[in-house]
Amino acid sequence: MANIKSAKKRIRTIEKKTARNIRVKNHVSEAEKAFLAAVKAGDVAEAEKTFKHAEKKFMQAAAKGTFHKNTASRTVSRLAKRLNNLKESK
């Protein structure tokens, strides 16, 4: 445990940021799982709806610094590819 006042404050700040990042990652993960479930079920309308939600969550996470913007963009691109493949197969 730190003895210096500023170090103690940094520890508290890091704990808050860590908690926020965990919350954001959970929201992103839930949105991604919902999209993948819709794709697996073959429901195009539900997949489109959940894709928009997942894309929004990824971009919000990137804006807050939880994910790097390129990581978020790459993941959204892969999800969009799955959505397009689902549309073509129907």
N, C-alpha and C. Protein backbone atom coordinates (compact mmCIF):
# COMPACT_ATOMS: atom_id res chain seq x y z
N MET A 1 0.85 -1.18 0.00
CA MET A 1 0.00 0.00 0.00
C MET A 1 0.89 1.24 0.00
N ALA A 2 0.46 2.22 -0.76
CA ALA A 2 1.23 3.44 -0.88
C ALA A 2 1.15 4.27 0.41
N ASN A 3 2.21 5.03 0.66
CA ASN A 3 2.24 5.92 1.81
C ASN A 3 2.05 7.38 1.41
N ILE A 4 2.36 7.69 0.18
CA ILE A 4 2.29 9.08 -0.29
C ILE A 4 0.85 9.42 -0.67
N LYS A 5 0.43 10.62 -0.29
CA LYS A 5 -0.95 11.04 -0.50
C LYS A 5 -1.36 10.99 -1.97
N SER A 6 -0.52 11.47 -2.85
CA SER A 6 -0.85 11.49 -4.28
C SER A 6 -0.94 10.07 -4.85
N ALA A 7 -0.10 9.17 -4.33
CA ALA A 7 -0.14 7.78 -4.79
C ALA A 7 -1.44 7.11 -4.34
N LYS A 8 -1.89 7.43 -3.14
CA LYS A 8 -3.17 6.89 -2.66
C LYS A 8 -4.31 7.37 -3.54
N LYS A 9 -4.25 8.64 -3.92
CA LYS A 9 -5.29 9.20 -4.78
C LYS A 9 -5.28 8.52 -6.14
N ARG A 10 -4.09 8.27 -6.68
CA ARG A 10 -3.99 7.59 -7.98
C ARG A 10 -4.58 6.18 -7.89
N ILE A 11 -4.38 5.51 -6.79
CA ILE A 11 -4.93 4.17 -6.62
C ILE A 11 -6.46 4.23 -6.65
N ARG A 12 -7.04 5.21 -5.96
CA ARG A 12 -8.50 5.36 -5.98
C ARG A 12 -9.01 5.69 -7.38
N THR A 13 -8.30 6.56 -8.08
CA THR A 13 -8.69 6.94 -9.44
C THR A 13 -8.64 5.74 -10.37
N ILE A 14 -7.59 4.95 -10.27
CA ILE A 14 -7.44 3.77 -11.12
C ILE A 14 -8.55 2.76 -10.85
N GLU A 15 -8.93 2.61 -9.58
CA GLU A 15 -10.02 1.69 -9.24
C GLU A 15 -11.33 2.13 -9.88
N LYS A 16 -11.60 3.44 -9.90
CA LYS A 16 -12.81 3.96 -10.53
C LYS A 16 -12.79 3.71 -12.03
N LYS A 17 -11.64 3.98 -12.67
CA LYS A 17 -11.53 3.77 -14.11
C LYS A 17 -11.66 2.29 -14.46
N THR A 18 -11.08 1.44 -13.64
CA THR A 18 -11.16 0.00 -13.87
C THR A 18 -12.62 -0.47 -13.79
N ALA A 19 -13.33 0.02 -12.80
CA ALA A 19 -14.74 -0.35 -12.64
C ALA A 19 -15.56 0.12 -13.84
N ARG A 20 -15.29 1.33 -14.31
CA ARG A 20 -16.01 1.85 -15.48
C ARG A 20 -15.71 1.01 -16.71
N ASN A 21 -14.43 0.67 -16.91
CA ASN A 21 -14.05 -0.13 -18.07
C ASN A 21 -14.71 -1.51 -18.04
N ILE A 22 -14.80 -2.10 -16.87
CA ILE A 22 -15.45 -3.41 -16.76
C ILE A 22 -16.93 -3.30 -17.12
N ARG A 23 -17.59 -2.24 -16.63
CA ARG A 23 -19.00 -2.02 -16.97
C ARG A 23 -19.18 -1.86 -18.47
N VAL A 24 -18.34 -1.03 -19.08
CA VAL A 24 -18.45 -0.76 -20.52
C VAL A 24 -18.21 -2.04 -21.31
N LYS A 25 -17.19 -2.82 -20.92
CA LYS A 25 -16.90 -4.07 -21.62
C LYS A 25 -18.06 -5.06 -21.50
N ASN A 26 -18.72 -5.07 -20.34
CA ASN A 26 -19.88 -5.95 -20.18
C ASN A 26 -21.02 -5.54 -21.10
N HIS A 27 -21.27 -4.23 -21.24
CA HIS A 27 -22.32 -3.76 -22.14
C HIS A 27 -22.00 -4.13 -23.58
N VAL A 28 -20.75 -3.95 -23.96
CA VAL A 28 -20.32 -4.28 -25.32
C VAL A 28 -20.47 -5.77 -25.57
N SER A 29 -20.05 -6.56 -24.61
CA SER A 29 -20.12 -8.01 -24.74
C SER A 29 -21.55 -8.49 -24.86
N GLU A 30 -22.46 -7.93 -24.07
CA GLU A 30 -23.87 -8.30 -24.14
C GLU A 30 -24.45 -7.95 -25.50
N ALA A 31 -24.11 -6.78 -26.02
CA ALA A 31 -24.62 -6.35 -27.32
C ALA A 31 -24.10 -7.27 -28.42
N GLU A 32 -22.82 -7.63 -28.34
CA GLU A 32 -22.23 -8.51 -29.35
C GLU A 32 -22.86 -9.90 -29.29
N LYS A 33 -23.08 -10.41 -28.10
CA LYS A 33 -23.70 -11.74 -27.95
C LYS A 33 -25.12 -11.74 -28.50
N ALA A 34 -25.87 -10.66 -28.27
CA ALA A 34 -27.23 -10.58 -28.79
C ALA A 34 -27.22 -10.60 -30.32
N PHE A 35 -26.28 -9.88 -30.92
CA PHE A 35 -26.16 -9.88 -32.38
C PHE A 35 -25.82 -11.26 -32.90
N LEU A 36 -24.83 -11.91 -32.28
CA LEU A 36 -24.42 -13.23 -32.74
C LEU A 36 -25.54 -14.26 -32.58
N ALA A 37 -26.34 -14.12 -31.55
CA ALA A 37 -27.48 -15.02 -31.36
C ALA A 37 -28.51 -14.81 -32.46
N ALA A 38 -28.75 -13.55 -32.84
CA ALA A 38 -29.70 -13.27 -33.92
C ALA A 38 -29.20 -13.81 -35.24
N VAL A 39 -27.90 -13.70 -35.48
CA VAL A 39 -27.31 -14.23 -36.71
C VAL A 39 -27.43 -15.75 -36.73
N LYS A 40 -27.14 -16.36 -35.61
CA LYS A 40 -27.22 -17.83 -35.52
C LYS A 40 -28.64 -18.32 -35.74
N ALA A 41 -29.63 -17.54 -35.25
CA ALA A 41 -31.03 -17.91 -35.44
C ALA A 41 -31.50 -17.64 -36.87
N GLY A 42 -30.74 -16.82 -37.61
CA GLY A 42 -31.10 -16.51 -38.99
C GLY A 42 -32.14 -15.42 -39.12
N ASP A 43 -32.36 -14.64 -38.08
CA ASP A 43 -33.35 -13.57 -38.07
C ASP A 43 -32.70 -12.27 -38.56
N VAL A 44 -32.98 -11.91 -39.82
CA VAL A 44 -32.32 -10.75 -40.43
C VAL A 44 -32.76 -9.45 -39.75
N ALA A 45 -34.05 -9.31 -39.49
CA ALA A 45 -34.56 -8.07 -38.89
C ALA A 45 -33.96 -7.86 -37.49
N GLU A 46 -33.95 -8.91 -36.70
CA GLU A 46 -33.38 -8.81 -35.35
C GLU A 46 -31.88 -8.58 -35.41
N ALA A 47 -31.23 -9.21 -36.38
CA ALA A 47 -29.77 -9.04 -36.53
C ALA A 47 -29.43 -7.59 -36.88
N GLU A 48 -30.22 -6.98 -37.76
CA GLU A 48 -29.97 -5.58 -38.12
C GLU A 48 -30.14 -4.67 -36.91
N LYS A 49 -31.20 -4.93 -36.15
CA LYS A 49 -31.47 -4.10 -34.96
C LYS A 49 -30.35 -4.24 -33.93
N THR A 50 -29.95 -5.47 -33.67
CA THR A 50 -28.90 -5.69 -32.67
C THR A 50 -27.53 -5.24 -33.18
N PHE A 51 -27.34 -5.28 -34.51
CA PHE A 51 -26.07 -4.79 -35.06
C PHE A 51 -25.92 -3.29 -34.81
N LYS A 52 -26.99 -2.53 -35.03
CA LYS A 52 -26.93 -1.09 -34.79
C LYS A 52 -26.60 -0.80 -33.32
N HIS A 53 -27.22 -1.57 -32.43
CA HIS A 53 -26.97 -1.38 -31.00
C HIS A 53 -25.52 -1.74 -30.66
N ALA A 54 -25.04 -2.85 -31.20
CA ALA A 54 -23.67 -3.29 -30.92
C ALA A 54 -22.66 -2.29 -31.47
N GLU A 55 -22.92 -1.78 -32.67
CA GLU A 55 -22.02 -0.79 -33.27
C GLU A 55 -21.94 0.46 -32.39
N LYS A 56 -23.08 0.91 -31.90
CA LYS A 56 -23.12 2.09 -31.04
C LYS A 56 -22.31 1.86 -29.77
N LYS A 57 -22.50 0.68 -29.15
CA LYS A 57 -21.78 0.38 -27.92
C LYS A 57 -20.27 0.32 -28.15
N PHE A 58 -19.84 -0.29 -29.26
CA PHE A 58 -18.42 -0.36 -29.57
C PHE A 58 -17.83 1.03 -29.77
N MET A 59 -18.53 1.88 -30.49
CA MET A 59 -18.01 3.23 -30.76
C MET A 59 -17.99 4.08 -29.49
N GLN A 60 -18.97 3.89 -28.63
CA GLN A 60 -18.97 4.61 -27.35
C GLN A 60 -17.79 4.17 -26.50
N ALA A 61 -17.52 2.86 -26.50
CA ALA A 61 -16.39 2.34 -25.73
C ALA A 61 -15.08 2.89 -26.27
N ALA A 62 -14.98 2.99 -27.60
CA ALA A 62 -13.77 3.53 -28.21
C ALA A 62 -13.61 5.02 -27.87
N ALA A 63 -14.72 5.74 -27.86
CA ALA A 63 -14.67 7.17 -27.55
C ALA A 63 -14.23 7.41 -26.11
N LYS A 64 -14.60 6.51 -25.19
CA LYS A 64 -14.23 6.64 -23.79
C LYS A 64 -12.82 6.10 -23.50
N GLY A 65 -12.23 5.43 -24.49
CA GLY A 65 -10.87 4.94 -24.29
C GLY A 65 -10.80 3.53 -23.74
N THR A 66 -11.93 2.86 -23.63
CA THR A 66 -11.92 1.48 -23.14
C THR A 66 -11.29 0.57 -24.18
N PHE A 67 -11.64 0.80 -25.46
CA PHE A 67 -11.03 0.09 -26.58
C PHE A 67 -10.33 1.11 -27.46
N HIS A 68 -9.31 0.68 -28.17
CA HIS A 68 -8.71 1.53 -29.19
C HIS A 68 -9.70 1.66 -30.34
N LYS A 69 -9.71 2.82 -31.00
CA LYS A 69 -10.70 3.05 -32.05
C LYS A 69 -10.54 2.06 -33.20
N ASN A 70 -9.32 1.66 -33.50
CA ASN A 70 -9.12 0.69 -34.58
C ASN A 70 -9.65 -0.69 -34.20
N THR A 71 -9.51 -1.06 -32.94
CA THR A 71 -10.04 -2.33 -32.47
C THR A 71 -11.56 -2.34 -32.60
N ALA A 72 -12.19 -1.26 -32.18
CA ALA A 72 -13.65 -1.17 -32.28
C ALA A 72 -14.09 -1.21 -33.73
N SER A 73 -13.42 -0.47 -34.59
CA SER A 73 -13.78 -0.44 -36.01
C SER A 73 -13.60 -1.80 -36.65
N ARG A 74 -12.52 -2.48 -36.31
CA ARG A 74 -12.26 -3.81 -36.87
C ARG A 74 -13.35 -4.80 -36.45
N THR A 75 -13.73 -4.75 -35.20
CA THR A 75 -14.75 -5.66 -34.70
C THR A 75 -16.11 -5.37 -35.34
N VAL A 76 -16.46 -4.09 -35.45
CA VAL A 76 -17.72 -3.71 -36.08
C VAL A 76 -17.71 -4.15 -37.54
N SER A 77 -16.58 -4.01 -38.21
CA SER A 77 -16.47 -4.44 -39.60
C SER A 77 -16.71 -5.93 -39.73
N ARG A 78 -16.18 -6.71 -38.83
CA ARG A 78 -16.38 -8.16 -38.86
C ARG A 78 -17.84 -8.52 -38.60
N LEU A 79 -18.49 -7.78 -37.69
CA LEU A 79 -19.90 -8.02 -37.43
C LEU A 79 -20.74 -7.65 -38.66
N ALA A 80 -20.38 -6.55 -39.32
CA ALA A 80 -21.10 -6.13 -40.52
C ALA A 80 -20.94 -7.18 -41.63
N LYS A 81 -19.78 -7.76 -41.71
CA LYS A 81 -19.54 -8.81 -42.71
C LYS A 81 -20.46 -10.00 -42.46
N ARG A 82 -20.62 -10.37 -41.18
CA ARG A 82 -21.51 -11.48 -40.84
C ARG A 82 -22.96 -11.13 -41.18
N LEU A 83 -23.35 -9.89 -40.92
CA LEU A 83 -24.70 -9.45 -41.25
C LEU A 83 -24.94 -9.50 -42.75
N ASN A 84 -23.98 -9.03 -43.52
CA ASN A 84 -24.12 -9.05 -44.99
C ASN A 84 -24.18 -10.47 -45.52
N ASN A 85 -23.39 -11.36 -44.95
CA ASN A 85 -23.44 -12.77 -45.37
C ASN A 85 -24.80 -13.37 -45.05
N LEU A 86 -25.39 -12.99 -43.92
CA LEU A 86 -26.71 -13.49 -43.55
C LEU A 86 -27.76 -12.98 -44.54
N LYS A 87 -27.65 -11.71 -44.92
CA LYS A 87 -28.61 -11.13 -45.88
C LYS A 87 -28.50 -11.83 -47.23
N GLU A 88 -27.28 -12.12 -47.68
CA GLU A 88 -27.09 -12.76 -48.97
C GLU A 88 -27.63 -14.19 -48.98
N SER A 89 -27.53 -14.86 -47.84
CA SER A 89 -27.98 -16.26 -47.79
C SER A 89 -29.51 -16.36 -47.74
N LYS A 90 -30.18 -15.28 -47.40
CA LYS A 90 -31.66 -15.31 -47.30
C LYS A 90 -32.30 -14.98 -48.61
